[in-house]
Amino acid sequence: MTREEPGGRSLEPTFSPKLRVVPAQDILPATLDQDALRVVSRLQRHGYQAYLVGGCVRDLLLGRRPKDFDVATAAHPRQAKRLFANGRIIGRRFRLVHVSYGPHIVETATFRRAPSDLKAEGDDLLITEDNEFGTAAEDAVRRDFTINALFLDPASHEILDYVDGLADLERGCLRTIGDPFVRLAEDPVRILRAVKFATRLGFRIDEATWDAMCELSPELSRSAKPRVLEEILRLMRSGTALGAFRMLRACGALGVILPEVDQYLGRRDDPDPSAHDRADQFWRLLEALDAFVHSGHVPTTAVCIASLFLRVIEFEADPATRTLPGPAPEDMFAVTGEVLEPFALSARLPRRECASARRLISLQRRFTQVASKRFRPALFVRSEDFPEALDLFRLRSMAWGQGWDVYEAWVQRFHAADDLPGAAAAAGAAAEPLLPKKRRRRRRRRGPAEGDGEPEGDSEAGE
């Protein structure tokens, strides 16, 4: 990539894409999605270039089963929409067409090119508009990594490679297309995507790309918060969360996107053994989460958030280790609020998910609590939050290496409760209040002489 002096960096590549066409011998036609083939076929019959593109081509070449099949075409969004009665245009920054076949959606995007009127002020290359249409070659060049820029033409069953992506696939190398400093500055979320692909695929990151990731990680603070949160959750559910978060910490990105967690882990060169123990406990919890995913489970958003902050919250709840101002509240639910509320606000986490994560962490003590008049296990098992709270307790038991018998006993209770006749109705009619709820103030009683007396008291709230 060329650089402009002194106004910034140019986004135009100094090289011309060289097309390499290779027969897709390693991809069986039976592995292709039939709905995506219908979309490509109709577009091609009406004279538009259309290919399968991106991650699905990469995964097929690696012998993996693609999660989604995406289509790239020369047809503009409105032109593609006219061909599909079951299609609709979505997006503002990046307009594309969703073609629906029942619950299945085939994402269809128009070939793009790098914005031509982008005026970089200083070194500010952040892209805020990305809706300029182009050719297949221009579309390949503007993608993030070489292994994600391959096209598959189902009609000729050939791979179209403009950026040497096939060579990087063979080498197991993750590399940006063009100057990595420019490409990551355009969209810093690509740092998180690089970590995701490197850990999921077992690829090494190109040295120049890694250097750019380390230098530009502070730029993640400027990225759209919902996109960053989405990538964090994808890493948590990837089955490679341990390796991914270690890599995020190594390049400095963890301190930007999750400063509370990074601060809890401490400095990597800290000689204090307690700091090493803290980090070890956090990594073991992520290792347990990976094992949970590999066993076929998909953790909910609340479980992912609770897993990320569980050790941080327990650390802040202990008066001996607390770093937050003021004494630690006795109520665990209040401590979770101190830690999670600022994160939810900065990361744009929905309030519903934040509240759910708070409840899951606060409910952990219930699993080792003795039955009493104030706590009845039969009603706890039937509560709405119990399944997710049990998932979190399972992760804790796996990470700490203790409490597995307790976990299995609760699993048996849960299945027994499901088998009881009328269990759902009983749970709805007699659900035990497990956490403090918002208190309702009683109406004030006014005395005969004074009208401003203090209220007699508040209604009792269940624990």
Protein backbone atom coordinates (compact mmCIF):
# COMPACT_ATOMS: atom_id res chain seq x y z
CA MET A 1 0.00 0.00 0.00
CA THR A 2 1.21 3.52 -0.71
CA ARG A 3 1.30 6.26 1.93
CA GLU A 4 0.48 9.92 1.37
CA GLU A 5 2.86 12.51 2.81
CA PRO A 6 2.05 14.30 5.00
CA GLY A 7 -1.72 13.94 4.87
CA GLY A 8 -2.07 10.30 5.89
CA ARG A 9 -2.13 6.91 4.24
CA SER A 10 -3.63 6.03 0.91
CA LEU A 11 -6.17 3.25 0.71
CA GLU A 12 -5.40 2.37 -2.89
CA PRO A 13 -3.27 -0.74 -3.39
CA THR A 14 0.03 -0.38 -5.23
CA PHE A 15 -0.42 -3.78 -6.83
CA SER A 16 -2.92 -4.97 -9.38
CA PRO A 17 -4.84 -8.05 -8.27
CA LYS A 18 -3.67 -11.10 -10.19
CA LEU A 19 -6.41 -13.61 -10.82
CA ARG A 20 -5.58 -17.24 -10.26
CA VAL A 21 -8.26 -19.75 -11.26
CA VAL A 22 -7.96 -23.21 -9.73
CA PRO A 23 -10.33 -26.18 -10.07
CA ALA A 24 -12.15 -26.79 -6.76
CA GLN A 25 -11.20 -30.45 -6.69
CA ASP A 26 -11.21 -30.66 -2.88
CA ILE A 27 -14.79 -29.36 -2.59
CA LEU A 28 -17.56 -31.89 -3.15
CA PRO A 29 -20.69 -30.45 -4.82
CA ALA A 30 -22.81 -32.26 -2.24
CA THR A 31 -21.31 -30.10 0.53
CA LEU A 32 -22.66 -26.89 -1.03
CA ASP A 33 -25.80 -25.30 0.38
CA GLN A 34 -28.74 -25.73 -2.01
CA ASP A 35 -30.39 -22.40 -1.12
CA ALA A 36 -27.15 -20.51 -1.78
CA LEU A 37 -26.81 -22.35 -5.10
CA ARG A 38 -30.33 -21.21 -6.03
CA VAL A 39 -29.38 -17.59 -5.38
CA VAL A 40 -26.14 -17.82 -7.39
CA SER A 41 -27.87 -19.63 -10.25
CA ARG A 42 -30.66 -17.07 -10.60
CA LEU A 43 -28.24 -14.14 -10.52
CA GLN A 44 -26.04 -15.75 -13.16
CA ARG A 45 -29.01 -16.58 -15.39
CA HIS A 46 -29.93 -12.88 -15.39
CA GLY A 47 -26.42 -11.88 -16.51
CA TYR A 48 -24.82 -10.96 -13.18
CA GLN A 49 -21.56 -12.32 -11.86
CA ALA A 50 -22.24 -14.23 -8.66
CA TYR A 51 -20.07 -16.44 -6.45
CA LEU A 52 -19.96 -18.09 -3.07
CA VAL A 53 -17.49 -16.06 -1.07
CA GLY A 54 -15.57 -15.68 2.16
CA GLY A 55 -15.68 -17.97 5.14
CA CYS A 56 -17.69 -20.72 3.48
CA VAL A 57 -15.06 -21.16 0.75
CA ARG A 58 -12.25 -21.06 3.31
CA ASP A 59 -13.93 -23.69 5.52
CA LEU A 60 -14.75 -25.98 2.60
CA LEU A 61 -11.12 -25.95 1.49
CA LEU A 62 -10.05 -26.78 5.05
CA GLY A 63 -12.48 -29.68 5.23
CA ARG A 64 -14.71 -27.90 7.75
CA ARG A 65 -18.48 -27.56 7.61
CA PRO A 66 -19.40 -23.90 6.98
CA LYS A 67 -21.85 -22.29 9.34
CA ASP A 68 -23.19 -19.95 6.63
CA PHE A 69 -22.95 -19.65 2.86
CA ASP A 70 -22.65 -16.06 1.64
CA VAL A 71 -23.03 -14.79 -1.92
CA ALA A 72 -21.23 -11.88 -3.61
CA THR A 73 -22.56 -10.49 -6.87
CA ALA A 74 -22.21 -7.70 -9.39
CA ALA A 75 -25.94 -6.94 -9.02
CA HIS A 76 -26.68 -3.84 -6.96
CA PRO A 77 -28.97 -4.34 -3.94
CA ARG A 78 -32.10 -3.10 -5.72
CA GLN A 79 -31.29 -5.18 -8.80
CA ALA A 80 -30.87 -8.29 -6.67
CA LYS A 81 -34.03 -7.51 -4.72
CA ARG A 82 -36.08 -7.42 -7.93
CA LEU A 83 -35.01 -10.99 -8.71
CA PHE A 84 -36.16 -12.41 -5.38
CA ALA A 85 -39.67 -11.99 -4.03
CA ASN A 86 -38.33 -13.54 -0.82
CA GLY A 87 -35.52 -10.98 -0.52
CA ARG A 88 -35.26 -7.76 1.46
CA ILE A 89 -32.63 -5.03 1.63
CA ILE A 90 -31.05 -4.47 5.04
CA GLY A 91 -28.22 -2.39 6.46
CA ARG A 92 -27.26 1.25 6.42
CA ARG A 93 -23.45 1.36 6.48
CA PHE A 94 -23.26 -1.79 4.38
CA ARG A 95 -26.40 -2.50 2.34
CA LEU A 96 -27.08 -6.07 1.27
CA VAL A 97 -29.97 -8.41 0.46
CA HIS A 98 -31.26 -11.20 2.69
CA VAL A 99 -32.90 -13.95 0.63
CA SER A 100 -35.08 -16.11 2.88
CA TYR A 101 -35.95 -19.74 2.36
CA GLY A 102 -38.09 -20.47 5.38
CA PRO A 103 -35.90 -19.88 8.46
CA HIS A 104 -32.72 -20.06 6.34
CA ILE A 105 -31.26 -16.76 5.10
CA VAL A 106 -28.71 -16.40 2.30
CA GLU A 107 -26.80 -13.14 2.70
CA THR A 108 -26.19 -11.57 -0.71
CA ALA A 109 -23.78 -8.63 -0.98
CA THR A 110 -22.78 -6.48 -3.93
CA PHE A 111 -19.09 -6.32 -4.90
CA ARG A 112 -17.52 -3.37 -3.06
CA ARG A 113 -14.39 -1.34 -3.48
CA ALA A 114 -12.37 0.87 -1.12
CA PRO A 115 -14.04 4.30 -0.63
CA SER A 116 -12.56 6.71 -3.17
CA ASP A 117 -13.52 9.96 -1.45
CA LEU A 118 -12.15 9.07 1.99
CA LYS A 119 -10.08 11.95 3.29
CA ALA A 120 -7.79 10.85 6.05
CA GLU A 121 -7.03 13.60 8.56
CA GLY A 122 -3.58 12.87 9.96
CA ASP A 123 -3.50 9.12 10.47
CA ASP A 124 -7.26 8.72 10.93
CA LEU A 125 -8.28 5.99 8.47
CA LEU A 126 -11.40 4.75 10.24
CA ILE A 127 -14.01 3.81 7.64
CA THR A 128 -17.54 5.02 8.42
CA GLU A 129 -19.06 4.53 4.96
CA ASP A 130 -18.55 1.40 2.88
CA ASN A 131 -21.16 1.41 0.17
CA GLU A 132 -19.24 1.97 -3.08
CA PHE A 133 -19.84 -0.78 -5.59
CA GLY A 134 -17.03 -2.29 -7.64
CA THR A 135 -15.80 -5.40 -9.42
CA ALA A 136 -14.99 -8.86 -8.10
CA ALA A 137 -11.28 -8.00 -8.07
CA GLU A 138 -11.89 -4.76 -6.14
CA ASP A 139 -14.14 -6.62 -3.73
CA ALA A 140 -11.44 -9.21 -3.03
CA VAL A 141 -8.80 -6.53 -2.37
CA ARG A 142 -10.96 -4.61 0.12
CA ARG A 143 -11.63 -7.67 2.33
CA ASP A 144 -9.75 -8.13 5.58
CA PHE A 145 -7.61 -11.29 5.31
CA THR A 146 -6.36 -13.20 2.29
CA ILE A 147 -7.98 -16.47 3.40
CA ASN A 148 -11.39 -14.71 3.48
CA ALA A 149 -11.15 -13.30 -0.05
CA LEU A 150 -11.64 -16.46 -2.11
CA PHE A 151 -14.54 -16.88 -4.55
CA LEU A 152 -16.14 -20.15 -5.61
CA ASP A 153 -18.05 -20.32 -8.89
CA PRO A 154 -20.48 -23.25 -8.52
CA ALA A 155 -21.24 -23.28 -12.25
CA SER A 156 -17.64 -24.01 -13.31
CA HIS A 157 -16.65 -25.41 -9.89
CA GLU A 158 -13.55 -23.21 -9.80
CA ILE A 159 -11.83 -21.09 -7.15
CA LEU A 160 -11.06 -17.47 -8.04
CA ASP A 161 -8.09 -16.16 -6.05
CA TYR A 162 -7.03 -12.52 -6.47
CA VAL A 163 -4.87 -12.15 -3.34
CA ASP A 164 -2.85 -15.39 -2.91
CA GLY A 165 -5.30 -16.64 -0.34
CA LEU A 166 -4.82 -20.25 -1.43
CA ALA A 167 -1.10 -20.05 -0.68
CA ASP A 168 -1.80 -18.66 2.82
CA LEU A 169 -4.32 -21.43 3.42
CA GLU A 170 -1.70 -24.02 2.55
CA ARG A 171 0.86 -22.35 4.82
CA GLY A 172 -1.60 -21.91 7.68
CA CYS A 173 -0.87 -18.17 7.77
CA LEU A 174 -3.26 -15.33 8.63
CA ARG A 175 -2.32 -12.17 6.76
CA THR A 176 -4.10 -8.92 5.94
CA ILE A 177 -4.58 -7.87 2.33
CA GLY A 178 -2.15 -5.01 1.83
CA ASP A 179 -0.53 -2.87 4.51
CA PRO A 180 -1.72 -4.27 7.88
CA PHE A 181 -1.43 -0.86 9.58
CA VAL A 182 -3.84 0.61 7.06
CA ARG A 183 -6.24 -2.31 7.03
CA LEU A 184 -6.50 -2.51 10.82
CA ALA A 185 -6.76 1.27 11.17
CA GLU A 186 -9.69 1.20 8.74
CA ASP A 187 -11.55 -1.16 11.04
CA PRO A 188 -9.91 -2.00 14.40
CA VAL A 189 -12.47 -4.77 15.02
CA ARG A 190 -10.34 -6.75 12.55
CA ILE A 191 -7.92 -7.22 15.47
CA LEU A 192 -10.58 -9.29 17.24
CA ARG A 193 -11.38 -11.12 14.01
CA ALA A 194 -7.71 -11.96 13.52
CA VAL A 195 -7.61 -13.49 17.00
CA LYS A 196 -10.79 -15.43 16.29
CA PHE A 197 -9.55 -16.92 13.02
CA ALA A 198 -6.05 -17.66 14.32
CA THR A 199 -7.33 -19.57 17.35
CA ARG A 200 -10.22 -21.34 15.64
CA LEU A 201 -8.21 -22.47 12.64
CA GLY A 202 -4.89 -22.98 14.40
CA PHE A 203 -3.16 -20.50 12.06
CA ARG A 204 -0.13 -18.40 12.87
CA ILE A 205 -0.49 -14.64 12.45
CA ASP A 206 1.87 -13.00 9.96
CA GLU A 207 4.57 -11.02 11.77
CA ALA A 208 3.70 -7.69 10.15
CA THR A 209 0.02 -8.23 10.93
CA TRP A 210 0.80 -9.03 14.57
CA ASP A 211 2.96 -5.91 14.94
CA ALA A 212 0.08 -3.81 13.59
CA MET A 213 -2.36 -5.50 15.99
CA CYS A 214 -0.16 -4.62 18.96
CA GLU A 215 0.33 -1.00 17.86
CA LEU A 216 -3.30 -0.31 16.92
CA SER A 217 -5.10 -2.14 19.73
CA PRO A 218 -5.92 1.21 21.49
CA GLU A 219 -7.98 2.11 18.40
CA LEU A 220 -10.56 -0.49 19.46
CA SER A 221 -11.96 2.15 21.82
CA ARG A 222 -13.26 3.99 18.74
CA SER A 223 -15.06 1.02 17.25
CA ALA A 224 -18.81 0.53 17.47
CA LYS A 225 -19.53 -0.95 20.89
CA PRO A 226 -22.17 -3.46 19.71
CA ARG A 227 -19.70 -4.90 17.16
CA VAL A 228 -16.98 -5.29 19.79
CA LEU A 229 -19.42 -6.98 22.17
CA GLU A 230 -20.57 -9.31 19.40
CA GLU A 231 -16.98 -10.39 18.73
CA ILE A 232 -16.34 -10.93 22.45
CA LEU A 233 -19.36 -13.23 22.67
CA ARG A 234 -18.25 -15.10 19.56
CA LEU A 235 -14.86 -15.72 21.15
CA MET A 236 -16.56 -16.96 24.32
CA ARG A 237 -18.62 -19.44 22.31
CA SER A 238 -15.85 -20.51 19.95
CA GLY A 239 -14.47 -23.36 22.02
CA THR A 240 -11.09 -21.58 21.93
CA ALA A 241 -11.79 -18.82 24.46
CA LEU A 242 -8.67 -19.63 26.51
CA GLY A 243 -6.28 -19.17 23.60
CA ALA A 244 -8.20 -16.20 22.24
CA PHE A 245 -8.16 -14.18 25.47
CA ARG A 246 -4.51 -15.00 26.06
CA MET A 247 -3.78 -13.61 22.61
CA LEU A 248 -5.93 -10.52 23.26
CA ARG A 249 -3.93 -9.89 26.42
CA ALA A 250 -0.63 -10.38 24.61
CA CYS A 251 -1.42 -7.77 21.95
CA GLY A 252 -2.93 -5.27 24.41
CA ALA A 253 -6.50 -5.50 23.16
CA LEU A 254 -7.89 -6.99 26.38
CA GLY A 255 -7.03 -3.85 28.35
CA VAL A 256 -9.05 -1.79 25.88
CA ILE A 257 -12.20 -3.89 25.50
CA LEU A 258 -12.29 -5.43 29.02
CA PRO A 259 -10.22 -3.18 31.30
CA GLU A 260 -11.78 -4.63 34.48
CA VAL A 261 -10.66 -8.14 33.55
CA ASP A 262 -7.21 -6.99 32.45
CA GLN A 263 -6.71 -5.10 35.71
CA TYR A 264 -7.78 -8.17 37.70
CA LEU A 265 -5.20 -10.32 35.88
CA GLY A 266 -2.47 -7.84 36.84
CA ARG A 267 0.85 -7.23 35.13
CA ARG A 268 2.32 -10.20 33.31
CA ASP A 269 5.72 -9.51 34.92
CA ASP A 270 4.32 -9.15 38.46
CA PRO A 271 6.50 -11.28 40.80
CA ASP A 272 3.69 -11.53 43.39
CA PRO A 273 2.51 -15.19 43.51
CA SER A 274 -1.05 -14.07 44.32
CA ALA A 275 -1.24 -12.27 40.96
CA HIS A 276 -0.21 -15.46 39.19
CA ASP A 277 -2.85 -17.41 41.14
CA ARG A 278 -5.55 -14.92 40.16
CA ALA A 279 -4.67 -15.21 36.50
CA ASP A 280 -4.53 -18.99 36.74
CA GLN A 281 -8.04 -19.14 38.21
CA PHE A 282 -9.40 -16.95 35.41
CA TRP A 283 -7.73 -19.02 32.68
CA ARG A 284 -9.02 -22.24 34.22
CA LEU A 285 -12.57 -20.90 34.08
CA LEU A 286 -12.18 -20.14 30.37
CA GLU A 287 -10.73 -23.61 29.87
CA ALA A 288 -13.85 -25.05 31.52
CA LEU A 289 -16.01 -22.92 29.22
CA ASP A 290 -14.19 -24.34 26.18
CA ALA A 291 -14.82 -27.88 27.43
CA PHE A 292 -18.49 -26.96 27.92
CA VAL A 293 -18.71 -25.78 24.30
CA HIS A 294 -16.90 -28.86 22.97
CA SER A 295 -19.45 -31.05 24.77
CA GLY A 296 -22.15 -29.60 22.50
CA HIS A 297 -23.50 -26.74 24.62
CA VAL A 298 -23.96 -23.14 23.49
CA PRO A 299 -23.61 -20.81 26.50
CA THR A 300 -26.13 -18.00 26.70
CA THR A 301 -25.06 -14.38 26.72
CA ALA A 302 -25.70 -14.17 30.47
CA VAL A 303 -23.52 -17.23 31.15
CA CYS A 304 -20.73 -15.79 28.96
CA ILE A 305 -20.78 -12.44 30.76
CA ALA A 306 -21.00 -14.09 34.17
CA SER A 307 -18.02 -16.33 33.31
CA LEU A 308 -15.96 -13.32 32.26
CA PHE A 309 -16.60 -11.35 35.45
CA LEU A 310 -17.13 -14.05 38.09
CA ARG A 311 -13.58 -13.94 39.44
CA VAL A 312 -13.45 -10.14 39.24
CA ILE A 313 -16.66 -9.84 41.28
CA GLU A 314 -15.51 -12.38 43.87
CA PHE A 315 -12.23 -10.44 44.13
CA GLU A 316 -14.08 -7.16 44.73
CA ALA A 317 -16.44 -8.79 47.24
CA ASP A 318 -13.50 -9.72 49.47
CA PRO A 319 -12.57 -6.78 51.78
CA ALA A 320 -8.96 -8.01 51.83
CA THR A 321 -8.49 -7.68 48.05
CA ARG A 322 -11.07 -5.04 47.10
CA THR A 323 -9.86 -2.24 44.79
CA LEU A 324 -13.14 -0.36 44.27
CA PRO A 325 -13.77 2.68 46.50
CA GLY A 326 -15.73 2.16 49.69
CA PRO A 327 -16.32 -0.97 51.76
CA ALA A 328 -17.58 -4.11 50.04
CA PRO A 329 -21.37 -4.49 50.28
CA GLU A 330 -22.50 -7.56 52.20
CA ASP A 331 -25.01 -8.38 49.46
CA MET A 332 -23.35 -10.19 46.54
CA PHE A 333 -26.01 -8.81 44.19
CA ALA A 334 -24.84 -5.27 45.01
CA VAL A 335 -21.20 -6.18 44.31
CA THR A 336 -22.13 -7.58 40.90
CA GLY A 337 -23.83 -4.29 40.14
CA GLU A 338 -20.69 -2.32 41.00
CA VAL A 339 -18.67 -4.32 38.48
CA LEU A 340 -21.17 -5.15 35.74
CA GLU A 341 -23.14 -1.90 35.46
CA PRO A 342 -20.18 0.20 34.18
CA PHE A 343 -19.29 -2.55 31.70
CA ALA A 344 -22.88 -2.85 30.49
CA LEU A 345 -23.05 0.90 29.95
CA SER A 346 -19.75 1.14 28.05
CA ALA A 347 -20.28 -2.04 25.98
CA ARG A 348 -23.97 -1.33 25.26
CA LEU A 349 -24.93 -4.66 26.82
CA PRO A 350 -28.74 -4.91 26.97
CA ARG A 351 -30.02 -4.30 30.49
CA ARG A 352 -31.90 -7.58 30.42
CA GLU A 353 -28.69 -9.54 29.83
CA CYS A 354 -26.81 -7.57 32.48
CA ALA A 355 -29.53 -8.22 35.05
CA SER A 356 -29.56 -11.90 34.16
CA ALA A 357 -25.77 -12.20 34.58
CA ARG A 358 -26.02 -10.48 37.97
CA ARG A 359 -28.63 -12.96 39.12
CA LEU A 360 -26.61 -15.98 37.95
CA ILE A 361 -23.56 -14.90 39.96
CA SER A 362 -25.62 -14.02 43.04
CA LEU A 363 -27.37 -17.39 42.95
CA GLN A 364 -24.18 -19.44 43.12
CA ARG A 365 -24.25 -19.62 46.92
CA ARG A 366 -27.64 -21.35 46.71
CA PHE A 367 -26.05 -24.53 45.38
CA THR A 368 -24.20 -25.11 48.68
CA GLN A 369 -26.86 -23.65 50.97
CA VAL A 370 -28.64 -25.89 53.48
CA ALA A 371 -32.41 -26.16 53.11
CA SER A 372 -34.36 -24.00 55.55
CA LYS A 373 -37.60 -22.08 55.89
CA ARG A 374 -36.03 -19.26 53.88
CA PHE A 375 -34.57 -21.51 51.21
CA ARG A 376 -36.37 -24.48 49.69
CA PRO A 377 -34.36 -26.34 47.04
CA ALA A 378 -37.52 -27.72 45.39
CA LEU A 379 -38.65 -24.21 44.52
CA PHE A 380 -35.15 -23.04 43.56
CA VAL A 381 -34.92 -25.86 41.00
CA ARG A 382 -38.14 -24.63 39.37
CA SER A 383 -37.09 -20.99 39.19
CA GLU A 384 -36.58 -19.34 35.81
CA ASP A 385 -32.87 -18.66 36.30
CA PHE A 386 -31.97 -22.11 37.59
CA PRO A 387 -30.76 -23.74 34.29
CA GLU A 388 -28.32 -20.92 33.50
CA ALA A 389 -27.20 -20.66 37.13
CA LEU A 390 -26.54 -24.42 37.07
CA ASP A 391 -24.46 -24.04 33.89
CA LEU A 392 -22.32 -21.44 35.66
CA PHE A 393 -21.97 -23.68 38.72
CA ARG A 394 -20.85 -26.49 36.42
CA LEU A 395 -18.13 -24.26 34.96
CA ARG A 396 -16.97 -23.28 38.46
CA SER A 397 -16.85 -26.92 39.54
CA MET A 398 -14.81 -27.90 36.48
CA ALA A 399 -12.43 -24.97 36.91
CA TRP A 400 -11.82 -25.37 40.65
CA GLY A 401 -11.77 -29.18 40.55
CA GLN A 402 -14.31 -29.51 43.35
CA GLY A 403 -18.07 -29.63 43.83
CA TRP A 404 -18.83 -31.99 40.93
CA ASP A 405 -20.88 -34.32 43.16
CA VAL A 406 -22.91 -31.32 44.27
CA TYR A 407 -23.49 -30.36 40.64
CA GLU A 408 -24.69 -33.86 39.72
CA ALA A 409 -27.06 -33.88 42.69
CA TRP A 410 -28.66 -30.65 41.46
CA VAL A 411 -28.96 -32.11 37.97
CA GLN A 412 -30.88 -35.05 39.43
CA ARG A 413 -33.12 -32.67 41.38
CA PHE A 414 -33.79 -30.72 38.20
CA HIS A 415 -34.80 -33.82 36.22
CA ALA A 416 -36.93 -35.08 39.10
CA ALA A 417 -38.75 -31.74 39.27
CA ASP A 418 -39.47 -31.91 35.53
CA ASP A 419 -41.01 -35.36 35.97
CA LEU A 420 -43.39 -34.25 38.72
CA PRO A 421 -47.01 -33.71 37.57
CA GLY A 422 -47.95 -30.04 37.55
CA ALA A 423 -44.39 -28.96 38.18
CA ALA A 424 -44.61 -25.95 35.89
CA ALA A 425 -47.84 -24.74 37.45
CA ALA A 426 -46.44 -25.18 40.93
CA ALA A 427 -43.34 -23.23 40.02
CA GLY A 428 -45.38 -20.37 38.62
CA ALA A 429 -47.76 -20.28 41.60
CA ALA A 430 -45.20 -20.65 44.38
CA ALA A 431 -41.90 -19.40 42.96
CA GLU A 432 -39.58 -18.37 45.76
CA PRO A 433 -38.16 -14.83 45.54
CA LEU A 434 -34.45 -15.57 45.21
CA LEU A 435 -33.05 -12.07 44.90
CA PRO A 436 -33.92 -8.65 46.25
CA LYS A 437 -36.56 -6.94 44.20
CA LYS A 438 -37.47 -3.30 44.07
CA ARG A 439 -39.21 -2.44 47.29
CA ARG A 440 -42.67 -0.92 47.21
CA ARG A 441 -43.22 1.78 49.76
CA ARG A 442 -46.38 1.66 51.78
CA ARG A 443 -48.71 4.58 51.68
CA ARG A 444 -47.96 7.00 54.46
CA ARG A 445 -50.34 7.28 57.35
CA ARG A 446 -50.85 10.83 58.45
CA GLY A 447 -51.50 11.55 62.11
CA PRO A 448 -54.31 13.86 63.25
CA ALA A 449 -51.93 16.65 64.17
CA GLU A 450 -48.98 16.30 61.74
CA GLY A 451 -49.22 15.61 58.05
CA ASP A 452 -45.51 14.97 57.44
CA GLY A 453 -44.87 11.93 59.60
CA GLU A 454 -42.36 9.26 58.60
CA PRO A 455 -43.68 6.19 56.84
CA GLU A 456 -44.38 3.26 59.14
CA GLY A 457 -42.08 1.01 57.16
CA ASP A 458 -41.39 -0.77 53.91
CA SER A 459 -42.84 -4.04 52.82
CA GLU A 460 -40.58 -7.04 53.37
CA ALA A 461 -38.74 -8.20 50.25
CA GLY A 462 -37.74 -11.80 49.88
CA GLU A 463 -34.06 -12.60 49.76
